[in-house]
Each structure stands twice: as structure tokens, then as C-alpha cells.
Amino acid sequence: MPIYFKLSIQELPLTIDSIGNRWTQDSITRPRGFPLYHWLQTEKGEGTVTLAGEAFVLKPGEGLLIAPHTPHRYRNNTEIWTTSFLTFGGTLANDIRKICGDSACLFIDAEEGRYFQDWIDRTLEAYLENRLDDLSLSVQCYEFLMHFSNLYMNHSQTEHPLYLQYVSPVIERIETDPAAVPDVEGLAREVHVSPQYLTRLFRRFTGYSVQNYITRFRINRAKELLVGKPYLKVQSISHMSGFHDVSYFISVFRRQTGTTPKQFRKNYGVNESRAHLE
């Protein structure tokens, strides 16, 4: 199936810049990302997408919405990896972040992915049969994106039985004492599921893998300690945040924040004469 570009000839708030399905996916590396919001979903086979320091294995039905200018790469894990994809244009394309949030990507599992696959199939069918109205397409693009918002920002998600049974206890465990959190395998054993299933649930309900959630929480805890406890050494804060190697802590902190712990303190006006920094 070929790629189709610019399905609408009008300048509309939201529209499709490119779309395709039944596509035999090749390996791609984009060091500077893609300039538009980009949806990628596996139809058959399996591929790995690496971005934001994490590798996402996309099995059939699973997909990712990738934010603009997010460096990423993907490759096939099976001999044939078939995908569907969609990129968004329009006068309001830069405002999609207001709908979908600030994450570099949003992961969708196979159950929820049926909606997005059906949407692309229906849209292409209508286009090929000349049944696609420009204004209706713009509205449908908005509905497509709002589906992400409903999945990730609807508070009722935290009342979902799977969230309450598996995700909530693990989040509580992580946030109670980040320095004493076991690895992903240990957390999964505590709630009696496999590490892979727990990671899928975390991606579904939080947008992050378990390990990424732990790392982000630890870095946020470190930020609080750096500013709120200026008498603590960086090494102490590293251990209290769950990093037992201070060099690794500084490396992760820099990767997550763009600065070192010492510079972070300076940026917030922490008096270095009171802060026993290493």
C-alpha cells in the first residue's frame, strides 16, 4: 500500500499530512526527530522504537504517538514488519501538545489500538472512494487526537480495576521509599504478574514504563532535596533518591534535566556556602 500525502486541499485547523497502512516498514533513524506529530502502529510482525532513553517493542496492534522533534529510531524484529502510520498537519498542528500532553511519546496497547487502526483503515477507504470531505476530515483528526487525551488524562482511568490492582500498589511502593524500591522483576512479583505485563500496564495508565517511572520519580525527589536541604551533600542525596552510584546519579540527572545537580542548585539560588557539595 502506498503513502498518501495531503488528503485535504484546504488549509484547515487539523488535517492529515501523510497516511498509510499495510506498509512494509524499514529501519529508520531520525537524530532530530520528525517535524510533525507522528503515529506509528504495528499491524503484523514486531518492531522496536527507541526514543527518550527507552526501547518500545511494538507488537501487533500496539502503537506510539511521537511528539515533533523527538530523536528516535526504529527497526524490525521480525523478517516482515507491517505498520500503519499517520502524521498531522494544519494550522493548529503546533497546538496538538495541548490535547495530548507534554510527553515525548504516548504508548497505546493492542486493546486500545483497535480504535486507531480502524480509524486509519476507514479514512483511507473513504479517500480512495472519493468520499472524504475536507471539513469532516478535520473534525475526525481532532477526534483521533482526543482519544489519546481521554486515555491518558481522564481521571476515571485511576479507577480502572487493572490500575487499582496492579499499578496503584506499585506506584505507592515507589513513592513511599524510592531508595528501597526493588527492580522491575521484584515489583512484578509483589503484585503477582510478569515484568512485561506490569510494564504494559504502566505504559497504558501512566505513559511510562515501570523503570522510567522509577527514574523520573527519583530525579524529582533529588530535585526537592537539592533545593530544600542545602546542607546535604550530593552523594547523600544520590543515595536518598535511590541511586547508589553518585557518578551514575549525576549522569542520569544531567540526561533528565540538562544540567548537573550542582548547577541545578545554583539555578535555584541555593547558597553554596550552606550546601556541602562534592
Protein backbone atom coordinates (compact mmCIF):
# COMPACT_ATOMS: atom_id res chain seq x y z
CA MET A 1 0.00 0.00 0.00
CA PRO A 2 1.49 3.41 -0.96
CA ILE A 3 1.77 6.51 1.19
CA TYR A 4 -0.79 9.26 0.62
CA PHE A 5 0.07 12.91 1.23
CA LYS A 6 -2.07 16.00 1.89
CA LEU A 7 -5.52 14.42 1.88
CA SER A 8 -7.11 17.86 2.16
CA ILE A 9 -6.57 20.69 -0.34
CA GLN A 10 -7.93 23.28 2.11
CA GLU A 11 -5.98 24.98 4.87
CA LEU A 12 -7.78 23.57 7.91
CA PRO A 13 -7.11 23.56 11.68
CA LEU A 14 -6.16 19.87 11.63
CA THR A 15 -5.60 17.58 8.70
CA ILE A 16 -3.53 14.64 7.52
CA ASP A 17 -0.08 15.39 6.18
CA SER A 18 0.64 11.73 5.35
CA ILE A 19 -1.08 8.40 5.94
CA GLY A 20 -0.54 4.76 5.05
CA ASN A 21 -1.33 1.18 6.04
CA ARG A 22 -0.17 -2.33 5.11
CA TRP A 23 3.28 -0.73 4.89
CA THR A 24 6.41 -2.92 4.97
CA GLN A 25 8.41 -0.93 7.48
CA ASP A 26 12.14 -0.37 7.00
CA SER A 27 14.61 0.68 9.69
CA ILE A 28 14.68 4.45 10.18
CA THR A 29 16.91 6.75 12.23
CA ARG A 30 15.89 10.37 12.84
CA PRO A 31 18.51 12.11 15.02
CA ARG A 32 16.42 15.30 15.01
CA GLY A 33 13.04 13.61 15.09
CA PHE A 34 10.17 14.32 12.72
CA PRO A 35 8.72 17.86 12.43
CA LEU A 36 5.10 16.75 12.96
CA TYR A 37 3.16 14.58 15.39
CA HIS A 38 3.61 11.05 14.13
CA TRP A 39 1.53 7.93 14.85
CA LEU A 40 3.13 4.52 14.21
CA GLN A 41 1.32 1.21 14.80
CA THR A 42 2.21 -2.42 14.17
CA GLU A 43 -0.17 -4.42 12.02
CA LYS A 44 1.88 -7.62 11.62
CA GLY A 45 5.25 -8.74 12.92
CA GLU A 46 7.15 -6.75 15.50
CA GLY A 47 9.46 -3.74 15.68
CA THR A 48 11.39 -1.75 18.26
CA VAL A 49 11.18 2.04 18.55
CA THR A 50 13.87 3.71 20.64
CA LEU A 51 13.33 7.24 21.95
CA ALA A 52 13.63 9.28 25.15
CA GLY A 53 16.09 6.74 26.53
CA GLU A 54 13.67 3.83 26.23
CA ALA A 55 13.05 0.99 23.78
CA PHE A 56 9.40 0.23 22.96
CA VAL A 57 8.70 -3.16 21.40
CA LEU A 58 5.59 -2.75 19.27
CA LYS A 59 3.67 -6.00 18.91
CA PRO A 60 0.60 -6.32 16.64
CA GLY A 61 -1.98 -3.66 17.48
CA GLU A 62 0.37 -1.60 19.66
CA GLY A 63 1.37 1.92 18.67
CA LEU A 64 3.14 5.14 19.62
CA LEU A 65 2.27 8.79 19.13
CA ILE A 66 5.63 10.57 18.85
CA ALA A 67 5.95 14.30 19.53
CA PRO A 68 7.67 16.57 16.97
CA HIS A 69 11.46 16.85 17.01
CA THR A 70 11.89 13.85 19.33
CA PRO A 71 15.03 11.96 18.24
CA HIS A 72 14.12 8.35 17.56
CA ARG A 73 14.89 5.27 15.54
CA TYR A 74 13.07 2.07 14.73
CA ARG A 75 13.90 -1.32 13.33
CA ASN A 76 12.11 -4.58 12.57
CA ASN A 77 12.44 -7.50 14.98
CA THR A 78 10.81 -9.96 12.58
CA GLU A 79 11.51 -10.63 8.92
CA ILE A 80 8.45 -8.62 7.92
CA TRP A 81 7.18 -5.70 10.00
CA THR A 82 3.97 -4.22 8.64
CA THR A 83 2.74 -0.90 10.02
CA SER A 84 0.17 1.82 9.63
CA PHE A 85 1.12 5.43 10.22
CA LEU A 86 -0.22 8.96 10.25
CA THR A 87 1.26 12.46 10.50
CA PHE A 88 -0.75 15.58 11.26
CA GLY A 89 -0.71 18.96 9.59
CA GLY A 90 -2.96 22.02 9.63
CA THR A 91 -2.92 25.50 11.11
CA LEU A 92 -3.31 24.13 14.64
CA ALA A 93 -0.79 21.29 14.33
CA ASN A 94 1.57 23.03 16.75
CA ASP A 95 -1.18 23.05 19.39
CA ILE A 96 -1.65 19.27 19.43
CA ARG A 97 0.51 19.22 22.57
CA LYS A 98 -2.38 20.94 24.40
CA ILE A 99 -4.55 17.92 23.60
CA CYS A 100 -2.05 15.11 24.12
CA GLY A 101 0.18 16.49 26.86
CA ASP A 102 3.92 17.09 27.06
CA SER A 103 5.20 13.52 26.82
CA ALA A 104 7.74 12.71 24.12
CA CYS A 105 5.52 9.78 23.20
CA LEU A 106 2.29 8.06 24.17
CA PHE A 107 2.14 4.26 24.09
CA ILE A 108 -1.11 2.50 23.19
CA ASP A 109 -1.68 -1.20 23.85
CA ALA A 110 -3.34 -3.58 21.40
CA GLU A 111 -6.76 -3.38 23.05
CA GLU A 112 -6.95 0.39 22.73
CA GLY A 113 -5.07 0.27 19.43
CA ARG A 114 -8.05 -1.22 17.59
CA TYR A 115 -9.69 2.22 17.53
CA PHE A 116 -6.70 3.84 15.80
CA GLN A 117 -6.21 1.04 13.29
CA ASP A 118 -9.90 1.09 12.33
CA TRP A 119 -9.76 4.90 12.01
CA ILE A 120 -6.85 4.76 9.54
CA ASP A 121 -8.45 1.94 7.52
CA ARG A 122 -11.79 3.77 7.30
CA THR A 123 -10.15 7.06 6.38
CA LEU A 124 -8.08 5.55 3.59
CA GLU A 125 -11.07 3.65 2.24
CA ALA A 126 -13.13 6.84 2.14
CA TYR A 127 -10.28 8.73 0.46
CA LEU A 128 -9.80 6.09 -2.25
CA GLU A 129 -13.55 6.06 -2.92
CA ASN A 130 -13.70 9.89 -3.09
CA ARG A 131 -15.99 10.02 -0.06
CA LEU A 132 -13.68 12.14 2.10
CA ASP A 133 -14.95 15.61 2.93
CA ASP A 134 -12.27 18.14 3.98
CA LEU A 135 -14.17 19.62 6.91
CA SER A 136 -15.27 16.22 8.18
CA LEU A 137 -11.65 15.03 7.97
CA SER A 138 -10.52 17.93 10.16
CA VAL A 139 -13.14 17.05 12.77
CA GLN A 140 -12.17 13.38 12.62
CA CYS A 141 -8.49 14.27 13.14
CA TYR A 142 -9.49 16.14 16.27
CA GLU A 143 -11.47 13.11 17.49
CA PHE A 144 -8.48 10.85 16.76
CA LEU A 145 -6.25 13.03 18.96
CA MET A 146 -8.87 13.49 21.68
CA HIS A 147 -8.91 9.71 22.04
CA PHE A 148 -5.35 9.98 23.38
CA SER A 149 -6.43 12.70 25.77
CA ASN A 150 -9.26 10.53 27.03
CA LEU A 151 -6.92 7.60 27.57
CA TYR A 152 -4.17 9.47 29.39
CA MET A 153 -5.83 12.43 31.08
CA ASN A 154 -9.20 11.11 32.15
CA HIS A 155 -9.16 10.76 35.93
CA SER A 156 -11.51 7.78 35.69
CA GLN A 157 -8.53 5.82 34.43
CA THR A 158 -7.26 5.70 38.01
CA GLU A 159 -10.47 3.91 38.93
CA HIS A 160 -9.91 1.17 36.38
CA PRO A 161 -9.70 -2.28 38.06
CA LEU A 162 -6.33 -3.05 36.43
CA TYR A 163 -4.91 0.25 37.67
CA LEU A 164 -6.19 -0.32 41.20
CA GLN A 165 -4.99 -3.93 41.38
CA TYR A 166 -1.55 -3.68 39.79
CA VAL A 167 -0.39 -0.13 39.04
CA SER A 168 -1.52 1.76 42.14
CA PRO A 169 0.24 -0.55 44.67
CA VAL A 170 3.49 -0.33 42.71
CA ILE A 171 3.30 3.46 42.48
CA GLU A 172 2.71 3.63 46.23
CA ARG A 173 5.72 1.36 46.78
CA ILE A 174 7.92 3.54 44.56
CA GLU A 175 6.84 6.84 46.07
CA THR A 176 6.96 5.69 49.71
CA ASP A 177 10.70 4.99 49.65
CA PRO A 178 12.43 5.38 46.28
CA ALA A 179 15.75 4.31 47.81
CA ALA A 180 14.37 0.88 48.75
CA VAL A 181 12.47 0.03 45.57
CA PRO A 182 13.36 -3.39 44.11
CA ASP A 183 13.93 -3.89 40.41
CA VAL A 184 11.06 -4.30 37.95
CA GLU A 185 11.10 -8.08 38.37
CA GLY A 186 10.77 -7.69 42.14
CA LEU A 187 7.92 -5.21 41.85
CA ALA A 188 6.12 -7.54 39.43
CA ARG A 189 6.45 -10.43 41.87
CA GLU A 190 4.89 -8.33 44.61
CA VAL A 191 1.70 -7.90 42.55
CA HIS A 192 1.87 -11.43 41.06
CA VAL A 193 2.29 -10.56 37.37
CA SER A 194 5.12 -10.79 34.86
CA PRO A 195 7.50 -7.82 34.44
CA GLN A 196 6.37 -7.49 30.81
CA TYR A 197 2.69 -7.28 31.75
CA LEU A 198 3.37 -4.77 34.54
CA THR A 199 5.33 -2.60 32.11
CA ARG A 200 2.48 -2.70 29.60
CA LEU A 201 0.02 -1.63 32.29
CA PHE A 202 2.27 1.23 33.36
CA ARG A 203 2.58 2.44 29.78
CA ARG A 204 -1.17 2.25 29.37
CA PHE A 205 -2.06 4.17 32.54
CA THR A 206 0.92 6.49 33.07
CA GLY A 207 2.58 6.78 29.66
CA TYR A 208 5.87 5.47 31.06
CA SER A 209 7.48 2.09 31.59
CA VAL A 210 7.99 0.98 35.20
CA GLN A 211 11.72 1.74 35.04
CA ASN A 212 11.15 5.18 33.50
CA TYR A 213 8.54 5.96 36.16
CA ILE A 214 11.01 5.00 38.90
CA THR A 215 13.79 7.08 37.35
CA ARG A 216 11.59 10.15 36.89
CA PHE A 217 10.31 9.93 40.46
CA ARG A 218 13.84 9.54 41.85
CA ILE A 219 15.08 12.55 39.90
CA ASN A 220 12.13 14.62 41.12
CA ARG A 221 12.89 13.55 44.70
CA ALA A 222 16.53 14.56 44.15
CA LYS A 223 15.42 17.99 42.91
CA GLU A 224 13.37 18.50 46.07
CA LEU A 225 16.32 17.54 48.27
CA LEU A 226 18.82 19.65 46.34
CA VAL A 227 16.75 22.78 46.86
CA GLY A 228 15.06 22.01 50.17
CA LYS A 229 18.05 20.51 52.03
CA PRO A 230 21.05 22.67 51.08
CA TYR A 231 23.17 21.16 53.85
CA LEU A 232 23.07 17.68 52.24
CA LYS A 233 25.92 16.52 50.04
CA VAL A 234 25.21 15.40 46.51
CA GLN A 235 26.37 11.90 47.43
CA SER A 236 23.83 11.75 50.27
CA ILE A 237 21.05 12.97 48.01
CA SER A 238 22.04 10.37 45.44
CA HIS A 239 21.60 7.57 47.99
CA MET A 240 18.39 9.01 49.46
CA SER A 241 16.89 9.19 45.95
CA GLY A 242 17.71 5.57 45.19
CA PHE A 243 20.97 5.95 43.24
CA HIS A 244 23.79 4.04 44.91
CA ASP A 245 26.46 5.26 42.49
CA VAL A 246 26.89 9.03 42.59
CA SER A 247 28.53 9.16 39.15
CA TYR A 248 25.57 7.33 37.65
CA PHE A 249 23.18 9.66 39.52
CA ILE A 250 24.89 12.75 38.08
CA SER A 251 24.77 11.22 34.59
CA VAL A 252 21.06 10.41 34.82
CA PHE A 253 20.29 13.79 36.40
CA ARG A 254 22.05 15.59 33.56
CA ARG A 255 20.24 13.48 30.96
CA GLN A 256 16.84 14.16 32.54
CA THR A 257 17.28 17.86 33.36
CA GLY A 258 20.02 19.12 31.05
CA THR A 259 22.19 20.22 33.98
CA THR A 260 24.24 18.81 36.86
CA PRO A 261 22.97 18.67 40.47
CA LYS A 262 25.43 21.39 41.45
CA GLN A 263 24.27 23.71 38.65
CA PHE A 264 20.65 22.89 39.46
CA ARG A 265 21.21 24.23 42.98
CA LYS A 266 22.81 27.38 41.58
CA ASN A 267 19.87 27.90 39.22
CA TYR A 268 17.52 27.92 42.22
CA GLY A 269 19.67 30.31 44.19
CA VAL A 270 20.78 27.81 46.83
CA ASN A 271 23.57 29.34 48.89
CA GLU A 272 26.64 27.24 48.16
CA SER A 273 28.24 28.26 51.42
CA ARG A 274 25.47 26.28 53.13
CA ALA A 275 25.46 23.41 50.67
CA HIS A 276 28.21 20.89 51.31
CA LEU A 277 28.64 19.86 47.69
CA GLU A 278 31.09 17.36 46.43
